[in-house]
């Protein structure tokens, strides 16, 4: 069994997914199906890691009033639950998915956190961190926390000689990338749009994406992964740069594929895999998640088959 991974989710969500033939604005829409899942980026990562057999601890902030949805998931997948409970309800994200895969998100307001809540998570994280342990910091920040909240957590990870994998966007990402060099995340996985927001410019060509990734590497980040949806993902490290493209898969939904990619990336980092192996495994995780409801992976053979079938193109 590999070493335990810690995931941190400061702004989790209950995902309510509603399937429709086609969304008609201003009209009554009849759903084909609906489901409710514990969600939030770090929770999704923890769930996929648990499916792979990785011992996982999940921490962050949860509303006490509807925590049972998360507790059911953690119990079922033997995820160590170290979430801090706050008064109130965790937010709900409504995903309206049409048959052609078009997804409309309606994210409801959630908990308002306080500085003391972040301090409590920080103390928990400090207790959980150990040398060489991987810590996944994922998702947005709840109302009430400053934009640089992740910097405090990154300093704790670095102080314990652990490695952080980060997947956030906007102001929290920009703030994290201004952290002291010693506290920068080991790996990050923005998508192209998130990277464009950080860079302040369009990144329309492979060369432009690679230049932005190399700019991040120059800050001191060991591994930069840029997900590009149907166009695959760019992986850049000291070993070089390569583009990974999963085999074509018919699917009605891409929900959760990015979080699955982070889980696969984390598994590869646990094993100190080379860049090509990392790209294949991360891409295999993401492809295997496509169309699968909830924060779940299929069986290991399916993931491994997709990883093996991933096409790799070297840059330079």
C-alpha atoms as a PDB file:
ATOM      1  CA  UNK A   1       0.000   0.000   0.000  1.00  0.00           C
ATOM      2  CA  UNK A   2       1.357   3.459  -0.950  1.00  0.00           C
ATOM      3  CA  UNK A   3       1.805   6.250   1.572  1.00  0.00           C
ATOM      4  CA  UNK A   4      -1.271   8.162   2.650  1.00  0.00           C
ATOM      5  CA  UNK A   5      -2.353  11.206   0.624  1.00  0.00           C
ATOM      6  CA  UNK A   6      -4.040  14.214   2.230  1.00  0.00           C
ATOM      7  CA  UNK A   7      -6.617  16.247   0.295  1.00  0.00           C
ATOM      8  CA  UNK A   8      -7.782  19.695   1.399  1.00  0.00           C
ATOM      9  CA  UNK A   9     -11.134  21.105   0.280  1.00  0.00           C
ATOM     10  CA  UNK A  10     -11.994  24.462   1.791  1.00  0.00           C
ATOM     11  CA  UNK A  11     -15.151  24.959  -0.286  1.00  0.00           C
ATOM     12  CA  UNK A  12     -16.750  21.540  -0.891  1.00  0.00           C
ATOM     13  CA  UNK A  13     -20.150  21.154  -2.494  1.00  0.00           C
ATOM     14  CA  UNK A  14     -23.010  18.748  -2.846  1.00  0.00           C
ATOM     15  CA  UNK A  15     -23.331  18.060  -6.564  1.00  0.00           C
ATOM     16  CA  UNK A  16     -26.904  17.680  -7.768  1.00  0.00           C
ATOM     17  CA  UNK A  17     -26.772  16.427 -11.359  1.00  0.00           C
ATOM     18  CA  UNK A  18     -29.921  16.672 -13.465  1.00  0.00           C
ATOM     19  CA  UNK A  19     -30.072  14.990 -16.894  1.00  0.00           C
ATOM     20  CA  UNK A  20     -32.288  16.526 -19.601  1.00  0.00           C
ATOM     21  CA  UNK A  21     -32.840  15.958 -23.304  1.00  0.00           C
ATOM     22  CA  UNK A  22     -32.218  19.655 -23.906  1.00  0.00           C
ATOM     23  CA  UNK A  23     -32.513  22.675 -21.621  1.00  0.00           C
ATOM     24  CA  UNK A  24     -35.323  25.014 -22.628  1.00  0.00           C
ATOM     25  CA  UNK A  25     -34.911  28.429 -21.034  1.00  0.00           C
ATOM     26  CA  UNK A  26     -38.093  29.989 -19.695  1.00  0.00           C
ATOM     27  CA  UNK A  27     -39.987  26.698 -19.925  1.00  0.00           C
ATOM     28  CA  UNK A  28     -40.814  23.719 -17.722  1.00  0.00           C
ATOM     29  CA  UNK A  29     -38.085  21.088 -18.163  1.00  0.00           C
ATOM     30  CA  UNK A  30     -38.699  17.438 -17.265  1.00  0.00           C
ATOM     31  CA  UNK A  31     -35.627  15.585 -16.049  1.00  0.00           C
ATOM     32  CA  UNK A  32     -34.596  12.162 -17.331  1.00  0.00           C
ATOM     33  CA  UNK A  33     -32.748  11.427 -14.092  1.00  0.00           C
ATOM     34  CA  UNK A  34     -31.167  13.125 -11.104  1.00  0.00           C
ATOM     35  CA  UNK A  35     -28.544  12.208  -8.524  1.00  0.00           C
ATOM     36  CA  UNK A  36     -26.834  13.786  -5.521  1.00  0.00           C
ATOM     37  CA  UNK A  37     -23.133  13.268  -4.767  1.00  0.00           C
ATOM     38  CA  UNK A  38     -20.640  14.597  -2.279  1.00  0.00           C
ATOM     39  CA  UNK A  39     -18.388  16.896  -4.265  1.00  0.00           C
ATOM     40  CA  UNK A  40     -15.889  19.691  -4.356  1.00  0.00           C
ATOM     41  CA  UNK A  41     -12.599  19.261  -6.176  1.00  0.00           C
ATOM     42  CA  UNK A  42     -10.592  17.827  -3.284  1.00  0.00           C
ATOM     43  CA  UNK A  43     -13.393  15.473  -2.278  1.00  0.00           C
ATOM     44  CA  UNK A  44     -13.556  14.203  -5.864  1.00  0.00           C
ATOM     45  CA  UNK A  45      -9.800  13.656  -5.878  1.00  0.00           C
ATOM     46  CA  UNK A  46      -9.971  11.775  -2.564  1.00  0.00           C
ATOM     47  CA  UNK A  47     -12.755   9.559  -3.909  1.00  0.00           C
ATOM     48  CA  UNK A  48     -10.813   8.649  -7.053  1.00  0.00           C
ATOM     49  CA  UNK A  49      -7.671   7.969  -5.022  1.00  0.00           C
ATOM     50  CA  UNK A  50      -9.638   5.664  -2.729  1.00  0.00           C
ATOM     51  CA  UNK A  51     -11.001   3.802  -5.772  1.00  0.00           C
ATOM     52  CA  UNK A  52      -7.402   3.206  -6.844  1.00  0.00           C
ATOM     53  CA  UNK A  53      -6.563   1.802  -3.417  1.00  0.00           C
ATOM     54  CA  UNK A  54      -4.635   4.787  -2.049  1.00  0.00           C
ATOM     55  CA  UNK A  55      -5.034   5.448   1.671  1.00  0.00           C
ATOM     56  CA  UNK A  56      -6.498   8.941   1.796  1.00  0.00           C
ATOM     57  CA  UNK A  57      -7.305  11.517   4.445  1.00  0.00           C
ATOM     58  CA  UNK A  58      -9.699  14.329   3.530  1.00  0.00           C
ATOM     59  CA  UNK A  59      -9.841  17.597   5.433  1.00  0.00           C
ATOM     60  CA  UNK A  60     -11.286  21.067   4.976  1.00  0.00           C
ATOM     61  CA  UNK A  61     -14.558  22.760   5.939  1.00  0.00           C
ATOM     62  CA  UNK A  62     -18.026  21.167   5.968  1.00  0.00           C
ATOM     63  CA  UNK A  63     -21.439  22.434   6.992  1.00  0.00           C
ATOM     64  CA  UNK A  64     -22.748  20.373   9.875  1.00  0.00           C
ATOM     65  CA  UNK A  65     -26.384  20.470   8.715  1.00  0.00           C
ATOM     66  CA  UNK A  66     -25.850  18.374   5.561  1.00  0.00           C
ATOM     67  CA  UNK A  67     -22.566  16.607   6.315  1.00  0.00           C
ATOM     68  CA  UNK A  68     -24.206  13.168   6.069  1.00  0.00           C
ATOM     69  CA  UNK A  69     -23.831  13.130   2.269  1.00  0.00           C
ATOM     70  CA  UNK A  70     -20.070  13.379   2.691  1.00  0.00           C
ATOM     71  CA  UNK A  71     -19.925  11.016   5.653  1.00  0.00           C
ATOM     72  CA  UNK A  72     -21.678   8.331   3.617  1.00  0.00           C
ATOM     73  CA  UNK A  73     -19.056   8.638   0.866  1.00  0.00           C
ATOM     74  CA  UNK A  74     -16.148   8.615   3.319  1.00  0.00           C
ATOM     75  CA  UNK A  75     -17.493   5.555   5.109  1.00  0.00           C
ATOM     76  CA  UNK A  76     -18.121   3.668   1.872  1.00  0.00           C
ATOM     77  CA  UNK A  77     -14.620   4.326   0.517  1.00  0.00           C
ATOM     78  CA  UNK A  78     -12.725   4.155   3.832  1.00  0.00           C
ATOM     79  CA  UNK A  79     -11.533   7.756   3.525  1.00  0.00           C
ATOM     80  CA  UNK A  80     -10.232   9.163   6.801  1.00  0.00           C
ATOM     81  CA  UNK A  81     -12.566  12.097   7.569  1.00  0.00           C
ATOM     82  CA  UNK A  82     -10.745  15.002   9.220  1.00  0.00           C
ATOM     83  CA  UNK A  83     -13.086  17.791   8.078  1.00  0.00           C
ATOM     84  CA  UNK A  84     -13.895  20.642  10.434  1.00  0.00           C
ATOM     85  CA  UNK A  85     -17.671  21.012  10.888  1.00  0.00           C
ATOM     86  CA  UNK A  86     -19.155  24.506  10.777  1.00  0.00           C
ATOM     87  CA  UNK A  87     -22.666  25.665  11.569  1.00  0.00           C
ATOM     88  CA  UNK A  88     -24.912  25.744   8.511  1.00  0.00           C
ATOM     89  CA  UNK A  89     -25.019  23.892   5.215  1.00  0.00           C
ATOM     90  CA  UNK A  90     -22.371  23.099   2.645  1.00  0.00           C
ATOM     91  CA  UNK A  91     -23.277  24.711  -0.668  1.00  0.00           C
ATOM     92  CA  UNK A  92     -25.070  22.842  -3.443  1.00  0.00           C
ATOM     93  CA  UNK A  93     -23.920  22.935  -7.069  1.00  0.00           C
ATOM     94  CA  UNK A  94     -26.613  22.097  -9.600  1.00  0.00           C
ATOM     95  CA  UNK A  95     -25.329  20.618 -12.855  1.00  0.00           C
ATOM     96  CA  UNK A  96     -27.822  20.467 -15.704  1.00  0.00           C
ATOM     97  CA  UNK A  97     -26.480  18.013 -18.268  1.00  0.00           C
ATOM     98  CA  UNK A  98     -28.063  17.694 -21.708  1.00  0.00           C
ATOM     99  CA  UNK A  99     -27.873  14.589 -23.900  1.00  0.00           C
ATOM    100  CA  UNK A 100     -25.274  16.195 -26.153  1.00  0.00           C
ATOM    101  CA  UNK A 101     -23.014  16.778 -23.147  1.00  0.00           C
ATOM    102  CA  UNK A 102     -23.704  20.486 -22.741  1.00  0.00           C
ATOM    103  CA  UNK A 103     -23.500  21.273 -19.032  1.00  0.00           C
ATOM    104  CA  UNK A 104     -24.991  24.287 -17.269  1.00  0.00           C
ATOM    105  CA  UNK A 105     -23.767  24.942 -13.719  1.00  0.00           C
ATOM    106  CA  UNK A 106     -25.757  26.785 -11.082  1.00  0.00           C
ATOM    107  CA  UNK A 107     -23.598  27.184  -7.966  1.00  0.00           C
ATOM    108  CA  UNK A 108     -25.540  28.182  -4.872  1.00  0.00           C
ATOM    109  CA  UNK A 109     -24.000  30.281  -2.098  1.00  0.00           C
ATOM    110  CA  UNK A 110     -22.464  28.323   0.742  1.00  0.00           C
ATOM    111  CA  UNK A 111     -20.822  28.706   4.093  1.00  0.00           C
ATOM    112  CA  UNK A 112     -19.072  31.858   5.208  1.00  0.00           C
ATOM    113  CA  UNK A 113     -15.809  30.942   6.894  1.00  0.00           C
ATOM    114  CA  UNK A 114     -13.778  32.865   9.443  1.00  0.00           C
ATOM    115  CA  UNK A 115     -10.058  33.276   9.950  1.00  0.00           C
ATOM    116  CA  UNK A 116     -10.261  30.935  12.926  1.00  0.00           C
ATOM    117  CA  UNK A 117     -11.684  28.224  10.666  1.00  0.00           C
ATOM    118  CA  UNK A 118      -8.637  28.412   8.399  1.00  0.00           C
ATOM    119  CA  UNK A 119      -6.421  28.284  11.479  1.00  0.00           C
ATOM    120  CA  UNK A 120      -8.158  25.069  12.566  1.00  0.00           C
ATOM    121  CA  UNK A 121      -7.631  23.486   9.143  1.00  0.00           C
ATOM    122  CA  UNK A 122      -4.003  24.627   9.256  1.00  0.00           C
ATOM    123  CA  UNK A 123      -3.472  22.879  12.582  1.00  0.00           C
ATOM    124  CA  UNK A 124      -5.076  19.703  11.256  1.00  0.00           C
ATOM    125  CA  UNK A 125      -2.946  19.816   8.129  1.00  0.00           C
ATOM    126  CA  UNK A 126       0.166  20.290  10.212  1.00  0.00           C
ATOM    127  CA  UNK A 127      -0.698  17.165  12.176  1.00  0.00           C
ATOM    128  CA  UNK A 128      -1.299  15.182   8.989  1.00  0.00           C
ATOM    129  CA  UNK A 129       1.764  16.273   7.005  1.00  0.00           C
ATOM    130  CA  UNK A 130       4.939  14.236   6.968  1.00  0.00           C
ATOM    131  CA  UNK A 131       8.127  14.248   4.930  1.00  0.00           C
ATOM    132  CA  UNK A 132       7.514  13.318   1.277  1.00  0.00           C
ATOM    133  CA  UNK A 133       3.747  13.023   1.839  1.00  0.00           C
ATOM    134  CA  UNK A 134       1.585  14.386  -0.971  1.00  0.00           C
ATOM    135  CA  UNK A 135      -1.024  17.009  -0.133  1.00  0.00           C
ATOM    136  CA  UNK A 136      -3.642  17.971  -2.717  1.00  0.00           C
ATOM    137  CA  UNK A 137      -5.029  21.520  -2.383  1.00  0.00           C
ATOM    138  CA  UNK A 138      -8.047  21.873  -4.652  1.00  0.00           C
ATOM    139  CA  UNK A 139     -10.901  24.162  -5.455  1.00  0.00           C
ATOM    140  CA  UNK A 140     -12.178  27.634  -4.693  1.00  0.00           C
ATOM    141  CA  UNK A 141     -12.246  29.452  -1.380  1.00  0.00           C
ATOM    142  CA  UNK A 142     -15.417  30.007   0.637  1.00  0.00           C
ATOM    143  CA  UNK A 143     -16.717  33.476   1.399  1.00  0.00           C
ATOM    144  CA  UNK A 144     -14.930  35.008   4.344  1.00  0.00           C
ATOM    145  CA  UNK A 145     -11.427  33.737   3.585  1.00  0.00           C
ATOM    146  CA  UNK A 146      -8.787  35.975   1.970  1.00  0.00           C
ATOM    147  CA  UNK A 147      -7.475  35.272  -1.508  1.00  0.00           C
ATOM    148  CA  UNK A 148      -4.058  34.228  -0.176  1.00  0.00           C
ATOM    149  CA  UNK A 149      -5.437  31.534   2.159  1.00  0.00           C
ATOM    150  CA  UNK A 150      -3.696  28.767   0.248  1.00  0.00           C
ATOM    151  CA  UNK A 151      -0.324  30.406   0.915  1.00  0.00           C
ATOM    152  CA  UNK A 152      -0.662  29.644   4.628  1.00  0.00           C
ATOM    153  CA  UNK A 153      -1.385  25.999   3.845  1.00  0.00           C
ATOM    154  CA  UNK A 154       1.473  25.793   1.345  1.00  0.00           C
ATOM    155  CA  UNK A 155       3.885  27.056   4.004  1.00  0.00           C
ATOM    156  CA  UNK A 156       2.740  24.300   6.352  1.00  0.00           C
ATOM    157  CA  UNK A 157       3.236  21.648   3.668  1.00  0.00           C
ATOM    158  CA  UNK A 158       6.702  22.950   2.850  1.00  0.00           C
ATOM    159  CA  UNK A 159       7.642  23.199   6.509  1.00  0.00           C
ATOM    160  CA  UNK A 160       6.872  19.506   6.935  1.00  0.00           C
ATOM    161  CA  UNK A 161       8.919  18.645   3.799  1.00  0.00           C
ATOM    162  CA  UNK A 162       5.797  17.351   2.080  1.00  0.00           C
ATOM    163  CA  UNK A 163       4.833  18.103  -1.530  1.00  0.00           C
ATOM    164  CA  UNK A 164       1.749  20.042  -2.593  1.00  0.00           C
ATOM    165  CA  UNK A 165      -0.314  19.408  -5.721  1.00  0.00           C
ATOM    166  CA  UNK A 166      -2.544  22.404  -6.432  1.00  0.00           C
ATOM    167  CA  UNK A 167      -5.641  22.788  -8.593  1.00  0.00           C
ATOM    168  CA  UNK A 168      -7.313  26.153  -8.156  1.00  0.00           C
ATOM    169  CA  UNK A 169      -7.931  29.222 -10.288  1.00  0.00           C
ATOM    170  CA  UNK A 170      -8.383  32.962 -10.384  1.00  0.00           C
ATOM    171  CA  UNK A 171      -7.180  35.083  -7.474  1.00  0.00           C
ATOM    172  CA  UNK A 172      -6.354  32.115  -5.186  1.00  0.00           C
ATOM    173  CA  UNK A 173      -4.079  30.677  -7.897  1.00  0.00           C
ATOM    174  CA  UNK A 174      -2.413  34.029  -8.539  1.00  0.00           C
ATOM    175  CA  UNK A 175      -1.805  34.491  -4.808  1.00  0.00           C
ATOM    176  CA  UNK A 176      -0.412  30.962  -4.426  1.00  0.00           C
ATOM    177  CA  UNK A 177       2.036  31.545  -7.263  1.00  0.00           C
ATOM    178  CA  UNK A 178       3.377  34.578  -5.394  1.00  0.00           C
ATOM    179  CA  UNK A 179       4.226  32.459  -2.352  1.00  0.00           C
ATOM    180  CA  UNK A 180       7.872  32.285  -1.269  1.00  0.00           C
ATOM    181  CA  UNK A 181       9.801  29.985  -3.559  1.00  0.00           C
ATOM    182  CA  UNK A 182      10.270  27.481  -0.738  1.00  0.00           C
ATOM    183  CA  UNK A 183       6.492  27.212  -0.319  1.00  0.00           C
ATOM    184  CA  UNK A 184       5.403  26.987  -3.960  1.00  0.00           C
ATOM    185  CA  UNK A 185       3.370  23.921  -4.936  1.00  0.00           C
ATOM    186  CA  UNK A 186       5.364  21.030  -6.344  1.00  0.00           C
ATOM    187  CA  UNK A 187       2.825  20.536  -9.138  1.00  0.00           C
ATOM    188  CA  UNK A 188      -0.124  22.488 -10.514  1.00  0.00           C
ATOM    189  CA  UNK A 189      -2.862  21.598 -12.993  1.00  0.00           C
ATOM    190  CA  UNK A 190      -4.621  24.632 -14.441  1.00  0.00           C
ATOM    191  CA  UNK A 191      -6.758  24.280 -17.528  1.00  0.00           C
ATOM    192  CA  UNK A 192      -6.024  26.507 -20.498  1.00  0.00           C
ATOM    193  CA  UNK A 193      -8.618  29.131 -19.549  1.00  0.00           C
ATOM    194  CA  UNK A 194      -7.317  29.314 -15.965  1.00  0.00           C
ATOM    195  CA  UNK A 195      -3.771  29.695 -17.246  1.00  0.00           C
ATOM    196  CA  UNK A 196      -4.827  32.458 -19.652  1.00  0.00           C
ATOM    197  CA  UNK A 197      -6.427  34.328 -16.747  1.00  0.00           C
ATOM    198  CA  UNK A 198      -3.198  34.086 -14.761  1.00  0.00           C
ATOM    199  CA  UNK A 199      -1.003  35.003 -17.736  1.00  0.00           C
ATOM    200  CA  UNK A 200      -3.252  37.892 -18.811  1.00  0.00           C
ATOM    201  CA  UNK A 201      -3.136  36.855 -22.458  1.00  0.00           C
ATOM    202  CA  UNK A 202      -4.632  34.383 -24.906  1.00  0.00           C
ATOM    203  CA  UNK A 203      -2.761  31.091 -25.310  1.00  0.00           C
ATOM    204  CA  UNK A 204      -4.037  29.817 -28.630  1.00  0.00           C
ATOM    205  CA  UNK A 205      -1.095  27.797 -29.916  1.00  0.00           C
ATOM    206  CA  UNK A 206       0.985  24.921 -28.534  1.00  0.00           C
ATOM    207  CA  UNK A 207       4.007  27.221 -28.473  1.00  0.00           C
ATOM    208  CA  UNK A 208       2.142  29.824 -26.410  1.00  0.00           C
ATOM    209  CA  UNK A 209       0.954  27.195 -23.935  1.00  0.00           C
ATOM    210  CA  UNK A 210       4.456  25.783 -23.615  1.00  0.00           C
ATOM    211  CA  UNK A 211       5.903  29.252 -23.028  1.00  0.00           C
ATOM    212  CA  UNK A 212       3.404  29.893 -20.228  1.00  0.00           C
ATOM    213  CA  UNK A 213       4.178  26.505 -18.675  1.00  0.00           C
ATOM    214  CA  UNK A 214       7.899  27.239 -18.811  1.00  0.00           C
ATOM    215  CA  UNK A 215       7.221  30.596 -17.146  1.00  0.00           C
ATOM    216  CA  UNK A 216       5.587  28.724 -14.263  1.00  0.00           C
ATOM    217  CA  UNK A 217       8.488  26.278 -14.150  1.00  0.00           C
ATOM    218  CA  UNK A 218      10.891  29.200 -13.878  1.00  0.00           C
ATOM    219  CA  UNK A 219       9.143  30.247 -10.661  1.00  0.00           C
ATOM    220  CA  UNK A 220      10.195  26.961  -9.082  1.00  0.00           C
ATOM    221  CA  UNK A 221       7.268  24.620  -9.794  1.00  0.00           C
ATOM    222  CA  UNK A 222       8.554  21.147 -10.632  1.00  0.00           C
ATOM    223  CA  UNK A 223       5.623  19.890 -12.720  1.00  0.00           C
ATOM    224  CA  UNK A 224       3.109  21.919 -14.711  1.00  0.00           C
ATOM    225  CA  UNK A 225       0.122  20.182 -16.289  1.00  0.00           C
ATOM    226  CA  UNK A 226      -2.226  22.158 -18.524  1.00  0.00           C
ATOM    227  CA  UNK A 227      -5.477  20.382 -19.322  1.00  0.00           C
ATOM    228  CA  UNK A 228      -7.053  21.251 -22.658  1.00  0.00           C
ATOM    229  CA  UNK A 229     -10.277  19.256 -22.758  1.00  0.00           C
ATOM    230  CA  UNK A 230     -10.679  17.274 -25.948  1.00  0.00           C
ATOM    231  CA  UNK A 231      -7.221  18.426 -27.054  1.00  0.00           C
ATOM    232  CA  UNK A 232      -5.499  16.511 -24.271  1.00  0.00           C
ATOM    233  CA  UNK A 233      -3.018  17.905 -21.783  1.00  0.00           C
ATOM    234  CA  UNK A 234       0.471  19.388 -21.787  1.00  0.00           C
ATOM    235  CA  UNK A 235       2.961  18.028 -19.220  1.00  0.00           C
ATOM    236  CA  UNK A 236       6.132  20.022 -18.523  1.00  0.00           C
ATOM    237  CA  UNK A 237       8.920  19.180 -16.071  1.00  0.00           C
ATOM    238  CA  UNK A 238      12.701  19.126 -15.907  1.00  0.00           C
ATOM    239  CA  UNK A 239      12.540  16.046 -18.162  1.00  0.00           C
ATOM    240  CA  UNK A 240      11.024  18.077 -20.989  1.00  0.00           C
ATOM    241  CA  UNK A 241       7.546  18.644 -22.388  1.00  0.00           C
ATOM    242  CA  UNK A 242       5.017  16.340 -23.965  1.00  0.00           C
ATOM    243  CA  UNK A 243       1.433  16.396 -25.131  1.00  0.00           C
ATOM    244  CA  UNK A 244      -0.861  13.543 -24.053  1.00  0.00           C
ATOM    245  CA  UNK A 245      -4.042  12.688 -25.929  1.00  0.00           C
ATOM    246  CA  UNK A 246      -6.502  10.080 -24.663  1.00  0.00           C
ATOM    247  CA  UNK A 247      -8.254   7.774 -27.125  1.00  0.00           C
ATOM    248  CA  UNK A 248     -11.609   9.053 -28.363  1.00  0.00           C
ATOM    249  CA  UNK A 249     -14.455   8.158 -26.009  1.00  0.00           C
ATOM    250  CA  UNK A 250     -18.157   8.760 -26.649  1.00  0.00           C
ATOM    251  CA  UNK A 251     -19.540  10.505 -23.580  1.00  0.00           C
ATOM    252  CA  UNK A 252     -22.406  12.733 -22.528  1.00  0.00           C
ATOM    253  CA  UNK A 253     -20.496  14.433 -19.706  1.00  0.00           C
ATOM    254  CA  UNK A 254     -16.962  15.528 -18.847  1.00  0.00           C
ATOM    255  CA  UNK A 255     -17.865  16.450 -15.259  1.00  0.00           C
ATOM    256  CA  UNK A 256     -15.098  15.464 -12.834  1.00  0.00           C
ATOM    257  CA  UNK A 257     -12.496  14.546 -15.447  1.00  0.00           C
ATOM    258  CA  UNK A 258     -10.122  17.278 -14.277  1.00  0.00           C
ATOM    259  CA  UNK A 259     -10.293  16.092 -10.683  1.00  0.00           C
ATOM    260  CA  UNK A 260      -9.663  12.520 -11.817  1.00  0.00           C
ATOM    261  CA  UNK A 261      -6.601  13.782 -13.706  1.00  0.00           C
ATOM    262  CA  UNK A 262      -5.288  15.331 -10.473  1.00  0.00           C
ATOM    263  CA  UNK A 263      -5.812  11.989  -8.725  1.00  0.00           C
ATOM    264  CA  UNK A 264      -3.884  10.158 -11.454  1.00  0.00           C
ATOM    265  CA  UNK A 265      -1.142  12.769 -11.323  1.00  0.00           C
ATOM    266  CA  UNK A 266      -0.895  12.266  -7.565  1.00  0.00           C
ATOM    267  CA  UNK A 267      -0.647   8.491  -7.909  1.00  0.00           C
ATOM    268  CA  UNK A 268       2.165   8.924 -10.437  1.00  0.00           C
ATOM    269  CA  UNK A 269       4.026  11.321  -8.142  1.00  0.00           C
ATOM    270  CA  UNK A 270       3.726   8.811  -5.294  1.00  0.00           C
ATOM    271  CA  UNK A 271       5.580   6.329  -7.413  1.00  0.00           C
ATOM    272  CA  UNK A 272       8.159   8.887  -8.627  1.00  0.00           C
ATOM    273  CA  UNK A 273       7.126   8.045 -12.173  1.00  0.00           C
ATOM    274  CA  UNK A 274       8.885   9.553 -15.183  1.00  0.00           C
ATOM    275  CA  UNK A 275       7.117  12.236 -17.217  1.00  0.00           C
ATOM    276  CA  UNK A 276       5.635   9.915 -19.861  1.00  0.00           C
ATOM    277  CA  UNK A 277       4.307   7.476 -17.258  1.00  0.00           C
ATOM    278  CA  UNK A 278       2.841  10.407 -15.310  1.00  0.00           C
ATOM    279  CA  UNK A 279       1.143  11.753 -18.431  1.00  0.00           C
ATOM    280  CA  UNK A 280      -0.301   8.365 -19.340  1.00  0.00           C
ATOM    281  CA  UNK A 281      -1.643   7.643 -15.875  1.00  0.00           C
ATOM    282  CA  UNK A 282      -3.126  11.116 -15.333  1.00  0.00           C
ATOM    283  CA  UNK A 283      -4.738  11.008 -18.772  1.00  0.00           C
ATOM    284  CA  UNK A 284      -5.986   7.465 -18.183  1.00  0.00           C
ATOM    285  CA  UNK A 285      -7.670   8.557 -14.944  1.00  0.00           C
ATOM    286  CA  UNK A 286      -9.343  11.505 -16.680  1.00  0.00           C
ATOM    287  CA  UNK A 287     -10.517   9.456 -19.649  1.00  0.00           C
ATOM    288  CA  UNK A 288     -11.830   6.678 -17.426  1.00  0.00           C
ATOM    289  CA  UNK A 289     -13.950   9.188 -15.512  1.00  0.00           C
ATOM    290  CA  UNK A 290     -15.712  10.480 -18.633  1.00  0.00           C
ATOM    291  CA  UNK A 291     -19.438   9.797 -18.512  1.00  0.00           C
ATOM    292  CA  UNK A 292     -19.205   7.976 -15.192  1.00  0.00           C
ATOM    293  CA  UNK A 293     -21.620   9.436 -12.618  1.00  0.00           C
ATOM    294  CA  UNK A 294     -20.396  10.647  -9.257  1.00  0.00           C
ATOM    295  CA  UNK A 295     -16.798  10.996  -8.038  1.00  0.00           C
ATOM    296  CA  UNK A 296     -15.888   7.465  -9.085  1.00  0.00           C
ATOM    297  CA  UNK A 297     -13.435   5.545 -11.237  1.00  0.00           C
ATOM    298  CA  UNK A 298     -14.137   2.310 -13.108  1.00  0.00           C
ATOM    299  CA  UNK A 299     -12.062  -0.787 -12.369  1.00  0.00           C
ATOM    300  CA  UNK A 300      -8.280  -0.600 -12.569  1.00  0.00           C
ATOM    301  CA  UNK A 301      -8.046  -2.551 -15.844  1.00  0.00           C
ATOM    302  CA  UNK A 302     -10.113   0.097 -17.638  1.00  0.00           C
ATOM    303  CA  UNK A 303      -7.888   2.910 -16.367  1.00  0.00           C
ATOM    304  CA  UNK A 304      -4.697   1.041 -17.262  1.00  0.00           C
ATOM    305  CA  UNK A 305      -5.992   0.262 -20.761  1.00  0.00           C
ATOM    306  CA  UNK A 306      -6.765   3.932 -21.409  1.00  0.00           C
ATOM    307  CA  UNK A 307      -3.364   4.959 -20.035  1.00  0.00           C
ATOM    308  CA  UNK A 308      -1.643   2.517 -22.369  1.00  0.00           C
ATOM    309  CA  UNK A 309      -3.677   3.762 -25.343  1.00  0.00           C
ATOM    310  CA  UNK A 310      -2.875   7.430 -24.653  1.00  0.00           C
ATOM    311  CA  UNK A 311      -0.923   9.019 -27.503  1.00  0.00           C
ATOM    312  CA  UNK A 312       2.226  10.886 -26.525  1.00  0.00           C
ATOM    313  CA  UNK A 313       3.840  13.636 -28.600  1.00  0.00           C
ATOM    314  CA  UNK A 314       7.139  15.133 -27.526  1.00  0.00           C
ATOM    315  CA  UNK A 315       7.763  18.884 -27.742  1.00  0.00           C
ATOM    316  CA  UNK A 316      11.104  19.989 -29.034  1.00  0.00           C
END
